[in-house]
Amino acid sequence: MAKSYDNNTETPSTGPKKAAPAKPAPAKPAAPGPAKPAAGSARLSDVQRRAQQMANKPSVSPTQFFQEAWVELKKTTWPNRDVLTKSTSVVLALVATVAIWVGSLNYLFDIITAKVFLGR
């Protein structure tokens, strides 16, 4: 007759199972920060290359900065009066709704806490 083995306690080749030795907990980093890519990875080399390019780039004068900013602002599509009015109406309606909701909850909780803690 074949011997049957319980997977949790015994195996045919090794006998009773033994608990695995406890592994030490991994050390925590000293300060939290962004995850660093593995050394030699393509992402790391790309980040280093871009950082070096930015460091070697000459600084821009304030005049040139504002001229370029003005050019970019001209490219922006601004909403017309109708879209702006509708968007503002929606925002104001939502703010009023949330204010009424929070005020109602505040009033309700004030009544409940007064009855529970002050016995009124």
PDB file of N, CA and C in Angstrom:
ATOM      1  N   MET A   1       0.850  -1.170   0.000  1.00  0.00           N
ATOM      2  CA  MET A   1       0.000   0.000   0.000  1.00  0.00           C
ATOM      3  C   MET A   1       0.896   1.233   0.000  1.00  0.00           C
ATOM      4  N   ALA A   2       0.535   2.240  -0.842  1.00  0.00           N
ATOM      5  CA  ALA A   2       1.337   3.458  -0.968  1.00  0.00           C
ATOM      6  C   ALA A   2       1.064   4.384   0.207  1.00  0.00           C
ATOM      7  N   LYS A   3       2.131   4.997   0.679  1.00  0.00           N
ATOM      8  CA  LYS A   3       2.018   5.916   1.800  1.00  0.00           C
ATOM      9  C   LYS A   3       1.563   7.277   1.282  1.00  0.00           C
ATOM     10  N   SER A   4       0.576   7.874   1.928  1.00  0.00           N
ATOM     11  CA  SER A   4       0.110   9.183   1.504  1.00  0.00           C
ATOM     12  C   SER A   4       0.736  10.246   2.398  1.00  0.00           C
ATOM     13  N   TYR A   5       1.047  11.360   1.792  1.00  0.00           N
ATOM     14  CA  TYR A   5       1.710  12.438   2.526  1.00  0.00           C
ATOM     15  C   TYR A   5       0.839  13.675   2.504  1.00  0.00           C
ATOM     16  N   ASP A   6       0.784  14.330   3.643  1.00  0.00           N
ATOM     17  CA  ASP A   6       0.078  15.601   3.739  1.00  0.00           C
ATOM     18  C   ASP A   6       1.045  16.691   3.283  1.00  0.00           C
ATOM     19  N   ASN A   7       0.647  17.520   2.343  1.00  0.00           N
ATOM     20  CA  ASN A   7       1.541  18.550   1.801  1.00  0.00           C
ATOM     21  C   ASN A   7       2.008  19.538   2.855  1.00  0.00           C
ATOM     22  N   ASN A   8       1.279  19.690   3.943  1.00  0.00           N
ATOM     23  CA  ASN A   8       1.645  20.676   4.939  1.00  0.00           C
ATOM     24  C   ASN A   8       2.645  20.155   5.958  1.00  0.00           C
ATOM     25  N   THR A   9       2.780  18.850   6.072  1.00  0.00           N
ATOM     26  CA  THR A   9       3.634  18.350   7.141  1.00  0.00           C
ATOM     27  C   THR A   9       4.801  17.517   6.674  1.00  0.00           C
ATOM     28  N   GLU A  10       4.663  16.707   5.620  1.00  0.00           N
ATOM     29  CA  GLU A  10       5.715  15.784   5.248  1.00  0.00           C
ATOM     30  C   GLU A  10       5.799  15.642   3.739  1.00  0.00           C
ATOM     31  N   THR A  11       6.994  15.406   3.215  1.00  0.00           N
ATOM     32  CA  THR A  11       7.176  15.109   1.806  1.00  0.00           C
ATOM     33  C   THR A  11       7.967  13.817   1.700  1.00  0.00           C
ATOM     34  N   PRO A  12       7.826  13.062   0.615  1.00  0.00           N
ATOM     35  CA  PRO A  12       8.518  11.782   0.521  1.00  0.00           C
ATOM     36  C   PRO A  12      10.029  11.911   0.541  1.00  0.00           C
ATOM     37  N   SER A  13      10.577  12.967  -0.023  1.00  0.00           N
ATOM     38  CA  SER A  13      12.024  13.042  -0.136  1.00  0.00           C
ATOM     39  C   SER A  13      12.703  13.666   1.080  1.00  0.00           C
ATOM     40  N   THR A  14      12.030  14.590   1.746  1.00  0.00           N
ATOM     41  CA  THR A  14      12.718  15.305   2.820  1.00  0.00           C
ATOM     42  C   THR A  14      12.175  15.029   4.205  1.00  0.00           C
ATOM     43  N   GLY A  15      11.058  14.361   4.336  1.00  0.00           N
ATOM     44  CA  GLY A  15      10.494  14.130   5.648  1.00  0.00           C
ATOM     45  C   GLY A  15       9.705  15.345   6.085  1.00  0.00           C
ATOM     46  N   PRO A  16       9.623  15.575   7.394  1.00  0.00           N
ATOM     47  CA  PRO A  16       8.826  16.707   7.888  1.00  0.00           C
ATOM     48  C   PRO A  16       9.374  18.038   7.379  1.00  0.00           C
ATOM     49  N   LYS A  17       8.449  18.942   7.069  1.00  0.00           N
ATOM     50  CA  LYS A  17       8.863  20.280   6.617  1.00  0.00           C
ATOM     51  C   LYS A  17       9.342  21.084   7.802  1.00  0.00           C
ATOM     52  N   LYS A  18      10.343  21.916   7.552  1.00  0.00           N
ATOM     53  CA  LYS A  18      10.858  22.809   8.580  1.00  0.00           C
ATOM     54  C   LYS A  18      10.545  24.233   8.164  1.00  0.00           C
ATOM     55  N   ALA A  19      10.351  25.070   9.143  1.00  0.00           N
ATOM     56  CA  ALA A  19      10.063  26.478   8.853  1.00  0.00           C
ATOM     57  C   ALA A  19      11.294  27.131   8.253  1.00  0.00           C
ATOM     58  N   ALA A  20      11.075  27.989   7.276  1.00  0.00           N
ATOM     59  CA  ALA A  20      12.185  28.703   6.646  1.00  0.00           C
ATOM     60  C   ALA A  20      12.753  29.697   7.640  1.00  0.00           C
ATOM     61  N   PRO A  21      14.070  29.904   7.626  1.00  0.00           N
ATOM     62  CA  PRO A  21      14.654  30.872   8.558  1.00  0.00           C
ATOM     63  C   PRO A  21      14.135  32.267   8.256  1.00  0.00           C
ATOM     64  N   ALA A  22      13.939  33.054   9.299  1.00  0.00           N
ATOM     65  CA  ALA A  22      13.427  34.417   9.136  1.00  0.00           C
ATOM     66  C   ALA A  22      14.474  35.286   8.455  1.00  0.00           C
ATOM     67  N   LYS A  23      14.018  36.071   7.486  1.00  0.00           N
ATOM     68  CA  LYS A  23      14.921  36.982   6.783  1.00  0.00           C
ATOM     69  C   LYS A  23      14.887  38.330   7.494  1.00  0.00           C
ATOM     70  N   PRO A  24      16.017  39.010   7.592  1.00  0.00           N
ATOM     71  CA  PRO A  24      16.009  40.331   8.219  1.00  0.00           C
ATOM     72  C   PRO A  24      15.221  41.316   7.359  1.00  0.00           C
ATOM     73  N   ALA A  25      14.581  42.253   8.023  1.00  0.00           N
ATOM     74  CA  ALA A  25      13.805  43.260   7.304  1.00  0.00           C
ATOM     75  C   ALA A  25      14.742  44.146   6.504  1.00  0.00           C
ATOM     76  N   PRO A  26      14.334  44.515   5.280  1.00  0.00           N
ATOM     77  CA  PRO A  26      15.193  45.397   4.485  1.00  0.00           C
ATOM     78  C   PRO A  26      15.317  46.762   5.148  1.00  0.00           C
ATOM     79  N   ALA A  27      16.471  47.361   5.013  1.00  0.00           N
ATOM     80  CA  ALA A  27      16.717  48.673   5.609  1.00  0.00           C
ATOM     81  C   ALA A  27      15.893  49.727   4.879  1.00  0.00           C
ATOM     82  N   LYS A  28      15.330  50.656   5.635  1.00  0.00           N
ATOM     83  CA  LYS A  28      14.549  51.737   5.036  1.00  0.00           C
ATOM     84  C   LYS A  28      15.493  52.850   4.599  1.00  0.00           C
ATOM     85  N   PRO A  29      15.142  53.544   3.505  1.00  0.00           N
ATOM     86  CA  PRO A  29      15.996  54.653   3.090  1.00  0.00           C
ATOM     87  C   PRO A  29      15.963  55.771   4.130  1.00  0.00           C
ATOM     88  N   ALA A  30      17.046  56.525   4.191  1.00  0.00           N
ATOM     89  CA  ALA A  30      17.175  57.589   5.184  1.00  0.00           C
ATOM     90  C   ALA A  30      16.112  58.665   4.986  1.00  0.00           C
ATOM     91  N   ALA A  31      15.854  59.063   3.769  1.00  0.00           N
ATOM     92  CA  ALA A  31      14.872  60.100   3.502  1.00  0.00           C
ATOM     93  C   ALA A  31      14.031  59.676   2.304  1.00  0.00           C
ATOM     94  N   PRO A  32      12.724  59.917   2.337  1.00  0.00           N
ATOM     95  CA  PRO A  32      11.914  59.546   1.184  1.00  0.00           C
ATOM     96  C   PRO A  32      12.271  60.414  -0.007  1.00  0.00           C
ATOM     97  N   GLY A  33      12.191  59.819  -1.164  1.00  0.00           N
ATOM     98  CA  GLY A  33      12.499  60.554  -2.376  1.00  0.00           C
ATOM     99  C   GLY A  33      12.026  59.768  -3.572  1.00  0.00           C
ATOM    100  N   PRO A  34      12.210  60.293  -4.753  1.00  0.00           N
ATOM    101  CA  PRO A  34      11.772  59.580  -5.935  1.00  0.00           C
ATOM    102  C   PRO A  34      12.614  58.325  -6.140  1.00  0.00           C
ATOM    103  N   ALA A  35      11.988  57.311  -6.706  1.00  0.00           N
ATOM    104  CA  ALA A  35      12.696  56.060  -6.965  1.00  0.00           C
ATOM    105  C   ALA A  35      13.772  56.305  -8.013  1.00  0.00           C
ATOM    106  N   LYS A  36      14.942  55.777  -7.759  1.00  0.00           N
ATOM    107  CA  LYS A  36      16.044  55.960  -8.697  1.00  0.00           C
ATOM    108  C   LYS A  36      16.071  54.798  -9.666  1.00  0.00           C
ATOM    109  N   PRO A  37      16.259  55.053 -10.949  1.00  0.00           N
ATOM    110  CA  PRO A  37      16.348  53.962 -11.903  1.00  0.00           C
ATOM    111  C   PRO A  37      17.636  53.178 -11.683  1.00  0.00           C
ATOM    112  N   ALA A  38      17.633  51.941 -12.107  1.00  0.00           N
ATOM    113  CA  ALA A  38      18.803  51.079 -11.937  1.00  0.00           C
ATOM    114  C   ALA A  38      19.998  51.655 -12.686  1.00  0.00           C
ATOM    115  N   ALA A  39      21.189  51.464 -12.105  1.00  0.00           N
ATOM    116  CA  ALA A  39      22.407  51.982 -12.729  1.00  0.00           C
ATOM    117  C   ALA A  39      22.569  51.357 -14.105  1.00  0.00           C
ATOM    118  N   GLY A  40      22.929  52.180 -15.077  1.00  0.00           N
ATOM    119  CA  GLY A  40      23.150  51.674 -16.424  1.00  0.00           C
ATOM    120  C   GLY A  40      21.881  51.612 -17.249  1.00  0.00           C
ATOM    121  N   SER A  41      20.742  51.997 -16.691  1.00  0.00           N
ATOM    122  CA  SER A  41      19.497  51.916 -17.455  1.00  0.00           C
ATOM    123  C   SER A  41      19.443  53.067 -18.464  1.00  0.00           C
ATOM    124  N   ALA A  42      18.637  52.884 -19.472  1.00  0.00           N
ATOM    125  CA  ALA A  42      18.506  53.896 -20.514  1.00  0.00           C
ATOM    126  C   ALA A  42      17.880  55.175 -19.946  1.00  0.00           C
ATOM    127  N   ARG A  43      16.943  55.014 -19.024  1.00  0.00           N
ATOM    128  CA  ARG A  43      16.280  56.182 -18.436  1.00  0.00           C
ATOM    129  C   ARG A  43      17.270  57.024 -17.642  1.00  0.00           C
ATOM    130  N   LEU A  44      18.132  56.371 -16.883  1.00  0.00           N
ATOM    131  CA  LEU A  44      19.115  57.099 -16.093  1.00  0.00           C
ATOM    132  C   LEU A  44      20.059  57.879 -16.994  1.00  0.00           C
ATOM    133  N   SER A  45      20.529  57.247 -18.043  1.00  0.00           N
ATOM    134  CA  SER A  45      21.457  57.947 -18.932  1.00  0.00           C
ATOM    135  C   SER A  45      20.756  59.106 -19.644  1.00  0.00           C
ATOM    136  N   ASP A  46      19.475  58.939 -19.978  1.00  0.00           N
ATOM    137  CA  ASP A  46      18.728  60.008 -20.622  1.00  0.00           C
ATOM    138  C   ASP A  46      18.551  61.192 -19.677  1.00  0.00           C
ATOM    139  N   VAL A  47      18.224  60.908 -18.412  1.00  0.00           N
ATOM    140  CA  VAL A  47      18.046  61.968 -17.419  1.00  0.00           C
ATOM    141  C   VAL A  47      19.367  62.707 -17.199  1.00  0.00           C
ATOM    142  N   GLN A  48      20.448  61.967 -17.094  1.00  0.00           N
ATOM    143  CA  GLN A  48      21.758  62.593 -16.894  1.00  0.00           C
ATOM    144  C   GLN A  48      22.149  63.452 -18.088  1.00  0.00           C
ATOM    145  N   ARG A  49      21.847  62.978 -19.294  1.00  0.00           N
ATOM    146  CA  ARG A  49      22.190  63.731 -20.504  1.00  0.00           C
ATOM    147  C   ARG A  49      21.401  65.041 -20.551  1.00  0.00           C
ATOM    148  N   ARG A  50      20.094  64.984 -20.243  1.00  0.00           N
ATOM    149  CA  ARG A  50      19.287  66.204 -20.258  1.00  0.00           C
ATOM    150  C   ARG A  50      19.715  67.181 -19.173  1.00  0.00           C
ATOM    151  N   ALA A  51      20.077  66.666 -18.002  1.00  0.00           N
ATOM    152  CA  ALA A  51      20.539  67.543 -16.926  1.00  0.00           C
ATOM    153  C   ALA A  51      21.835  68.245 -17.331  1.00  0.00           C
ATOM    154  N   GLN A  52      22.717  67.516 -17.983  1.00  0.00           N
ATOM    155  CA  GLN A  52      23.979  68.111 -18.433  1.00  0.00           C
ATOM    156  C   GLN A  52      23.723  69.180 -19.490  1.00  0.00           C
ATOM    157  N   GLN A  53      22.768  68.920 -20.394  1.00  0.00           N
ATOM    158  CA  GLN A  53      22.452  69.913 -21.420  1.00  0.00           C
ATOM    159  C   GLN A  53      21.887  71.187 -20.791  1.00  0.00           C
ATOM    160  N   MET A  54      21.029  71.024 -19.785  1.00  0.00           N
ATOM    161  CA  MET A  54      20.453  72.196 -19.126  1.00  0.00           C
ATOM    162  C   MET A  54      21.514  72.972 -18.360  1.00  0.00           C
ATOM    163  N   ALA A  55      22.472  72.265 -17.764  1.00  0.00           N
ATOM    164  CA  ALA A  55      23.524  72.938 -17.001  1.00  0.00           C
ATOM    165  C   ALA A  55      24.444  73.731 -17.926  1.00  0.00           C
ATOM    166  N   ASN A  56      24.646  73.247 -19.139  1.00  0.00           N
ATOM    167  CA  ASN A  56      25.553  73.909 -20.084  1.00  0.00           C
ATOM    168  C   ASN A  56      24.862  75.019 -20.874  1.00  0.00           C
ATOM    169  N   LYS A  57      23.536  75.117 -20.768  1.00  0.00           N
ATOM    170  CA  LYS A  57      22.793  76.102 -21.540  1.00  0.00           C
ATOM    171  C   LYS A  57      22.992  77.491 -20.934  1.00  0.00           C
ATOM    172  N   PRO A  58      23.243  78.506 -21.773  1.00  0.00           N
ATOM    173  CA  PRO A  58      23.408  79.858 -21.226  1.00  0.00           C
ATOM    174  C   PRO A  58      22.081  80.378 -20.676  1.00  0.00           C
ATOM    175  N   SER A  59      22.149  81.222 -19.653  1.00  0.00           N
ATOM    176  CA  SER A  59      20.930  81.761 -19.055  1.00  0.00           C
ATOM    177  C   SER A  59      20.279  82.766 -20.007  1.00  0.00           C
ATOM    178  N   VAL A  60      18.979  82.939 -19.844  1.00  0.00           N
ATOM    179  CA  VAL A  60      18.197  83.817 -20.705  1.00  0.00           C
ATOM    180  C   VAL A  60      17.979  85.131 -19.979  1.00  0.00           C
ATOM    181  N   SER A  61      18.085  86.232 -20.692  1.00  0.00           N
ATOM    182  CA  SER A  61      17.867  87.542 -20.079  1.00  0.00           C
ATOM    183  C   SER A  61      16.371  87.717 -19.770  1.00  0.00           C
ATOM    184  N   PRO A  62      16.049  88.538 -18.776  1.00  0.00           N
ATOM    185  CA  PRO A  62      14.633  88.769 -18.461  1.00  0.00           C
ATOM    186  C   PRO A  62      13.849  89.333 -19.648  1.00  0.00           C
ATOM    187  N   THR A  63      14.480  90.173 -20.439  1.00  0.00           N
ATOM    188  CA  THR A  63      13.800  90.751 -21.599  1.00  0.00           C
ATOM    189  C   THR A  63      13.415  89.659 -22.591  1.00  0.00           C
ATOM    190  N   GLN A  64      14.366  88.769 -22.873  1.00  0.00           N
ATOM    191  CA  GLN A  64      14.087  87.678 -23.802  1.00  0.00           C
ATOM    192  C   GLN A  64      13.017  86.750 -23.235  1.00  0.00           C
ATOM    193  N   PHE A  65      13.042  86.490 -21.925  1.00  0.00           N
ATOM    194  CA  PHE A  65      12.048  85.633 -21.295  1.00  0.00           C
ATOM    195  C   PHE A  65      10.645  86.208 -21.493  1.00  0.00           C
ATOM    196  N   PHE A  66      10.467  87.506 -21.208  1.00  0.00           N
ATOM    197  CA  PHE A  66       9.148  88.110 -21.333  1.00  0.00           C
ATOM    198  C   PHE A  66       8.695  88.209 -22.789  1.00  0.00           C
ATOM    199  N   GLN A  67       9.635  88.400 -23.713  1.00  0.00           N
ATOM    200  CA  GLN A  67       9.273  88.409 -25.133  1.00  0.00           C
ATOM    201  C   GLN A  67       8.760  87.037 -25.552  1.00  0.00           C
ATOM    202  N   GLU A  68       9.445  85.977 -25.140  1.00  0.00           N
ATOM    203  CA  GLU A  68       9.019  84.618 -25.484  1.00  0.00           C
ATOM    204  C   GLU A  68       7.701  84.270 -24.791  1.00  0.00           C
ATOM    205  N   ALA A  69       7.529  84.731 -23.558  1.00  0.00           N
ATOM    206  CA  ALA A  69       6.274  84.479 -22.847  1.00  0.00           C
ATOM    207  C   ALA A  69       5.118  85.172 -23.555  1.00  0.00           C
ATOM    208  N   TRP A  70       5.332  86.388 -24.051  1.00  0.00           N
ATOM    209  CA  TRP A  70       4.290  87.135 -24.760  1.00  0.00           C
ATOM    210  C   TRP A  70       3.900  86.418 -26.052  1.00  0.00           C
ATOM    211  N   VAL A  71       4.891  85.868 -26.750  1.00  0.00           N
ATOM    212  CA  VAL A  71       4.613  85.116 -27.982  1.00  0.00           C
ATOM    213  C   VAL A  71       3.745  83.897 -27.666  1.00  0.00           C
ATOM    214  N   GLU A  72       4.075  83.195 -26.574  1.00  0.00           N
ATOM    215  CA  GLU A  72       3.288  82.021 -26.193  1.00  0.00           C
ATOM    216  C   GLU A  72       1.874  82.411 -25.772  1.00  0.00           C
ATOM    217  N   LEU A  73       1.718  83.536 -25.074  1.00  0.00           N
ATOM    218  CA  LEU A  73       0.383  83.992 -24.676  1.00  0.00           C
ATOM    219  C   LEU A  73      -0.475  84.351 -25.893  1.00  0.00           C
ATOM    220  N   LYS A  74       0.145  84.841 -26.951  1.00  0.00           N
ATOM    221  CA  LYS A  74      -0.597  85.157 -28.171  1.00  0.00           C
ATOM    222  C   LYS A  74      -1.144  83.893 -28.821  1.00  0.00           C
ATOM    223  N   LYS A  75      -0.464  82.754 -28.629  1.00  0.00           N
ATOM    224  CA  LYS A  75      -0.902  81.483 -29.211  1.00  0.00           C
ATOM    225  C   LYS A  75      -2.073  80.880 -28.434  1.00  0.00           C
ATOM    226  N   THR A  76      -2.341  81.381 -27.234  1.00  0.00           N
ATOM    227  CA  THR A  76      -3.379  80.815 -26.381  1.00  0.00           C
ATOM    228  C   THR A  76      -4.759  81.116 -26.939  1.00  0.00           C
ATOM    229  N   THR A  77      -5.660  80.138 -26.867  1.00  0.00           N
ATOM    230  CA  THR A  77      -7.045  80.342 -27.273  1.00  0.00           C
ATOM    231  C   THR A  77      -7.837  80.701 -26.029  1.00  0.00           C
ATOM    232  N   TRP A  78      -8.330  81.925 -25.989  1.00  0.00           N
ATOM    233  CA  TRP A  78      -9.073  82.397 -24.833  1.00  0.00           C
ATOM    234  C   TRP A  78     -10.557  82.180 -25.065  1.00  0.00           C
ATOM    235  N   PRO A  79     -11.330  81.913 -23.994  1.00  0.00           N
ATOM    236  CA  PRO A  79     -12.769  81.710 -24.175  1.00  0.00           C
ATOM    237  C   PRO A  79     -13.467  83.015 -24.519  1.00  0.00           C
ATOM    238  N   ASN A  80     -14.551  82.902 -25.314  1.00  0.00           N
ATOM    239  CA  ASN A  80     -15.323  84.108 -25.622  1.00  0.00           C
ATOM    240  C   ASN A  80     -16.259  84.421 -24.456  1.00  0.00           C
ATOM    241  N   ARG A  81     -16.965  85.535 -24.533  1.00  0.00           N
ATOM    242  CA  ARG A  81     -17.791  85.993 -23.413  1.00  0.00           C
ATOM    243  C   ARG A  81     -18.882  84.992 -23.055  1.00  0.00           C
ATOM    244  N   ASP A  82     -19.489  84.343 -24.050  1.00  0.00           N
ATOM    245  CA  ASP A  82     -20.567  83.390 -23.785  1.00  0.00           C
ATOM    246  C   ASP A  82     -20.051  82.177 -22.994  1.00  0.00           C
ATOM    247  N   VAL A  83     -18.942  81.617 -23.429  1.00  0.00           N
ATOM    248  CA  VAL A  83     -18.364  80.462 -22.737  1.00  0.00           C
ATOM    249  C   VAL A  83     -17.922  80.857 -21.328  1.00  0.00           C
ATOM    250  N   LEU A  84     -17.322  82.019 -21.196  1.00  0.00           N
ATOM    251  CA  LEU A  84     -16.864  82.498 -19.897  1.00  0.00           C
ATOM    252  C   LEU A  84     -18.034  82.710 -18.934  1.00  0.00           C
ATOM    253  N   THR A  85     -19.133  83.267 -19.438  1.00  0.00           N
ATOM    254  CA  THR A  85     -20.316  83.490 -18.605  1.00  0.00           C
ATOM    255  C   THR A  85     -20.912  82.164 -18.130  1.00  0.00           C
ATOM    256  N   LYS A  86     -21.040  81.201 -19.048  1.00  0.00           N
ATOM    257  CA  LYS A  86     -21.602  79.899 -18.681  1.00  0.00           C
ATOM    258  C   LYS A  86     -20.710  79.172 -17.680  1.00  0.00           C
ATOM    259  N   SER A  87     -19.413  79.196 -17.900  1.00  0.00           N
ATOM    260  CA  SER A  87     -18.489  78.520 -16.985  1.00  0.00           C
ATOM    261  C   SER A  87     -18.532  79.156 -15.603  1.00  0.00           C
ATOM    262  N   THR A  88     -18.577  80.473 -15.554  1.00  0.00           N
ATOM    263  CA  THR A  88     -18.645  81.174 -14.273  1.00  0.00           C
ATOM    264  C   THR A  88     -19.947  80.855 -13.550  1.00  0.00           C
ATOM    265  N   SER A  89     -21.051  80.769 -14.287  1.00  0.00           N
ATOM    266  CA  SER A  89     -22.348  80.434 -13.688  1.00  0.00           C
ATOM    267  C   SER A  89     -22.323  79.040 -13.072  1.00  0.00           C
ATOM    268  N   VAL A  90     -21.733  78.102 -13.779  1.00  0.00           N
ATOM    269  CA  VAL A  90     -21.652  76.733 -13.272  1.00  0.00           C
ATOM    270  C   VAL A  90     -20.809  76.692 -11.999  1.00  0.00           C
ATOM    271  N   VAL A  91     -19.684  77.370 -11.997  1.00  0.00           N
ATOM    272  CA  VAL A  91     -18.817  77.376 -10.816  1.00  0.00           C
ATOM    273  C   VAL A  91     -19.528  78.008  -9.630  1.00  0.00           C
ATOM    274  N   LEU A  92     -20.182  79.157  -9.831  1.00  0.00           N
ATOM    275  CA  LEU A  92     -20.892  79.821  -8.735  1.00  0.00           C
ATOM    276  C   LEU A  92     -22.047  78.966  -8.206  1.00  0.00           C
ATOM    277  N   ALA A  93     -22.764  78.278  -9.099  1.00  0.00           N
ATOM    278  CA  ALA A  93     -23.864  77.412  -8.673  1.00  0.00           C
ATOM    279  C   ALA A  93     -23.334  76.244  -7.840  1.00  0.00           C
ATOM    280  N   LEU A  94     -22.234  75.657  -8.261  1.00  0.00           N
ATOM    281  CA  LEU A  94     -21.659  74.553  -7.496  1.00  0.00           C
ATOM    282  C   LEU A  94     -21.134  75.021  -6.140  1.00  0.00           C
ATOM    283  N   VAL A  95     -20.523  76.192  -6.095  1.00  0.00           N
ATOM    284  CA  VAL A  95     -20.033  76.725  -4.824  1.00  0.00           C
ATOM    285  C   VAL A  95     -21.200  76.972  -3.880  1.00  0.00           C
ATOM    286  N   ALA A  96     -22.288  77.548  -4.384  1.00  0.00           N
ATOM    287  CA  ALA A  96     -23.460  77.799  -3.551  1.00  0.00           C
ATOM    288  C   ALA A  96     -24.071  76.489  -3.054  1.00  0.00           C
ATOM    289  N   THR A  97     -24.160  75.490  -3.924  1.00  0.00           N
ATOM    290  CA  THR A  97     -24.716  74.189  -3.538  1.00  0.00           C
ATOM    291  C   THR A  97     -23.879  73.540  -2.450  1.00  0.00           C
ATOM    292  N   VAL A  98     -22.574  73.539  -2.612  1.00  0.00           N
ATOM    293  CA  VAL A  98     -21.697  72.931  -1.604  1.00  0.00           C
ATOM    294  C   VAL A  98     -21.766  73.716  -0.296  1.00  0.00           C
ATOM    295  N   ALA A  99     -21.859  75.034  -0.372  1.00  0.00           N
ATOM    296  CA  ALA A  99     -21.960  75.848   0.843  1.00  0.00           C
ATOM    297  C   ALA A  99     -23.249  75.536   1.603  1.00  0.00           C
ATOM    298  N   ILE A 100     -24.358  75.390   0.893  1.00  0.00           N
ATOM    299  CA  ILE A 100     -25.630  75.041   1.538  1.00  0.00           C
ATOM    300  C   ILE A 100     -25.543  73.646   2.146  1.00  0.00           C
ATOM    301  N   TRP A 101     -24.953  72.703   1.421  1.00  0.00           N
ATOM    302  CA  TRP A 101     -24.809  71.325   1.914  1.00  0.00           C
ATOM    303  C   TRP A 101     -23.958  71.286   3.183  1.00  0.00           C
ATOM    304  N   VAL A 102     -22.807  71.931   3.167  1.00  0.00           N
ATOM    305  CA  VAL A 102     -21.919  71.929   4.332  1.00  0.00           C
ATOM    306  C   VAL A 102     -22.569  72.669   5.499  1.00  0.00           C
ATOM    307  N   GLY A 103     -23.249  73.776   5.220  1.00  0.00           N
ATOM    308  CA  GLY A 103     -23.945  74.504   6.277  1.00  0.00           C
ATOM    309  C   GLY A 103     -25.048  73.669   6.906  1.00  0.00           C
ATOM    310  N   SER A 104     -25.792  72.923   6.089  1.00  0.00           N
ATOM    311  CA  SER A 104     -26.847  72.051   6.612  1.00  0.00           C
ATOM    312  C   SER A 104     -26.262  70.947   7.490  1.00  0.00           C
ATOM    313  N   LEU A 105     -25.202  70.326   7.023  1.00  0.00           N
ATOM    314  CA  LEU A 105     -24.551  69.286   7.826  1.00  0.00           C
ATOM    315  C   LEU A 105     -24.021  69.865   9.143  1.00  0.00           C
ATOM    316  N   ASN A 106     -23.454  71.045   9.084  1.00  0.00           N
ATOM    317  CA  ASN A 106     -22.936  71.689  10.285  1.00  0.00           C
ATOM    318  C   ASN A 106     -24.062  71.934  11.286  1.00  0.00           C
ATOM    319  N   TYR A 107     -25.186  72.437  10.801  1.00  0.00           N
ATOM    320  CA  TYR A 107     -26.340  72.689  11.666  1.00  0.00           C
ATOM    321  C   TYR A 107     -26.858  71.383  12.273  1.00  0.00           C
ATOM    322  N   LEU A 108     -26.972  70.340  11.464  1.00  0.00           N
ATOM    323  CA  LEU A 108     -27.444  69.039  11.926  1.00  0.00           C
ATOM    324  C   LEU A 108     -26.513  68.463  12.990  1.00  0.00           C
ATOM    325  N   PHE A 109     -25.219  68.467  12.722  1.00  0.00           N
ATOM    326  CA  PHE A 109     -24.268  67.931  13.698  1.00  0.00           C
ATOM    327  C   PHE A 109     -24.221  68.777  14.965  1.00  0.00           C
ATOM    328  N   ASP A 110     -24.449  70.071  14.843  1.00  0.00           N
ATOM    329  CA  ASP A 110     -24.494  70.939  16.018  1.00  0.00           C
ATOM    330  C   ASP A 110     -25.657  70.543  16.921  1.00  0.00           C
ATOM    331  N   ILE A 111     -26.816  70.282  16.324  1.00  0.00           N
ATOM    332  CA  ILE A 111     -27.983  69.851  17.105  1.00  0.00           C
ATOM    333  C   ILE A 111     -27.717  68.503  17.768  1.00  0.00           C
ATOM    334  N   ILE A 112     -27.155  67.558  16.998  1.00  0.00           N
ATOM    335  CA  ILE A 112     -26.893  66.210  17.539  1.00  0.00           C
ATOM    336  C   ILE A 112     -25.887  66.261  18.673  1.00  0.00           C
ATOM    337  N   THR A 113     -24.780  66.976  18.479  1.00  0.00           N
ATOM    338  CA  THR A 113     -23.764  67.027  19.529  1.00  0.00           C
ATOM    339  C   THR A 113     -24.268  67.763  20.774  1.00  0.00           C
ATOM    340  N   ALA A 114     -25.123  68.776  20.590  1.00  0.00           N
ATOM    341  CA  ALA A 114     -25.692  69.481  21.740  1.00  0.00           C
ATOM    342  C   ALA A 114     -26.569  68.542  22.561  1.00  0.00           C
ATOM    343  N   LYS A 115     -27.344  67.697  21.901  1.00  0.00           N
ATOM    344  CA  LYS A 115     -28.208  66.751  22.617  1.00  0.00           C
ATOM    345  C   LYS A 115     -27.381  65.664  23.302  1.00  0.00           C
ATOM    346  N   VAL A 116     -26.344  65.166  22.611  1.00  0.00           N
ATOM    347  CA  VAL A 116     -25.550  64.067  23.168  1.00  0.00           C
ATOM    348  C   VAL A 116     -24.673  64.545  24.324  1.00  0.00           C
ATOM    349  N   PHE A 117     -23.957  65.633  24.131  1.00  0.00           N
ATOM    350  CA  PHE A 117     -22.971  66.051  25.116  1.00  0.00           C
ATOM    351  C   PHE A 117     -23.499  67.045  26.154  1.00  0.00           C
ATOM    352  N   LEU A 118     -24.458  67.859  25.782  1.00  0.00           N
ATOM    353  CA  LEU A 118     -24.953  68.869  26.708  1.00  0.00           C
ATOM    354  C   LEU A 118     -26.333  68.515  27.269  1.00  0.00           C
ATOM    355  N   GLY A 119     -26.990  67.528  26.708  1.00  0.00           N
ATOM    356  CA  GLY A 119     -28.282  67.086  27.198  1.00  0.00           C
ATOM    357  C   GLY A 119     -29.406  68.084  26.952  1.00  0.00           C
ATOM    358  N   ARG A 120     -29.291  68.931  25.958  1.00  0.00           N
ATOM    359  CA  ARG A 120     -30.343  69.921  25.681  1.00  0.00           C
ATOM    360  C   ARG A 120     -31.415  69.335  24.831  1.00  0.00           C
TER     361      ARG A 120
END
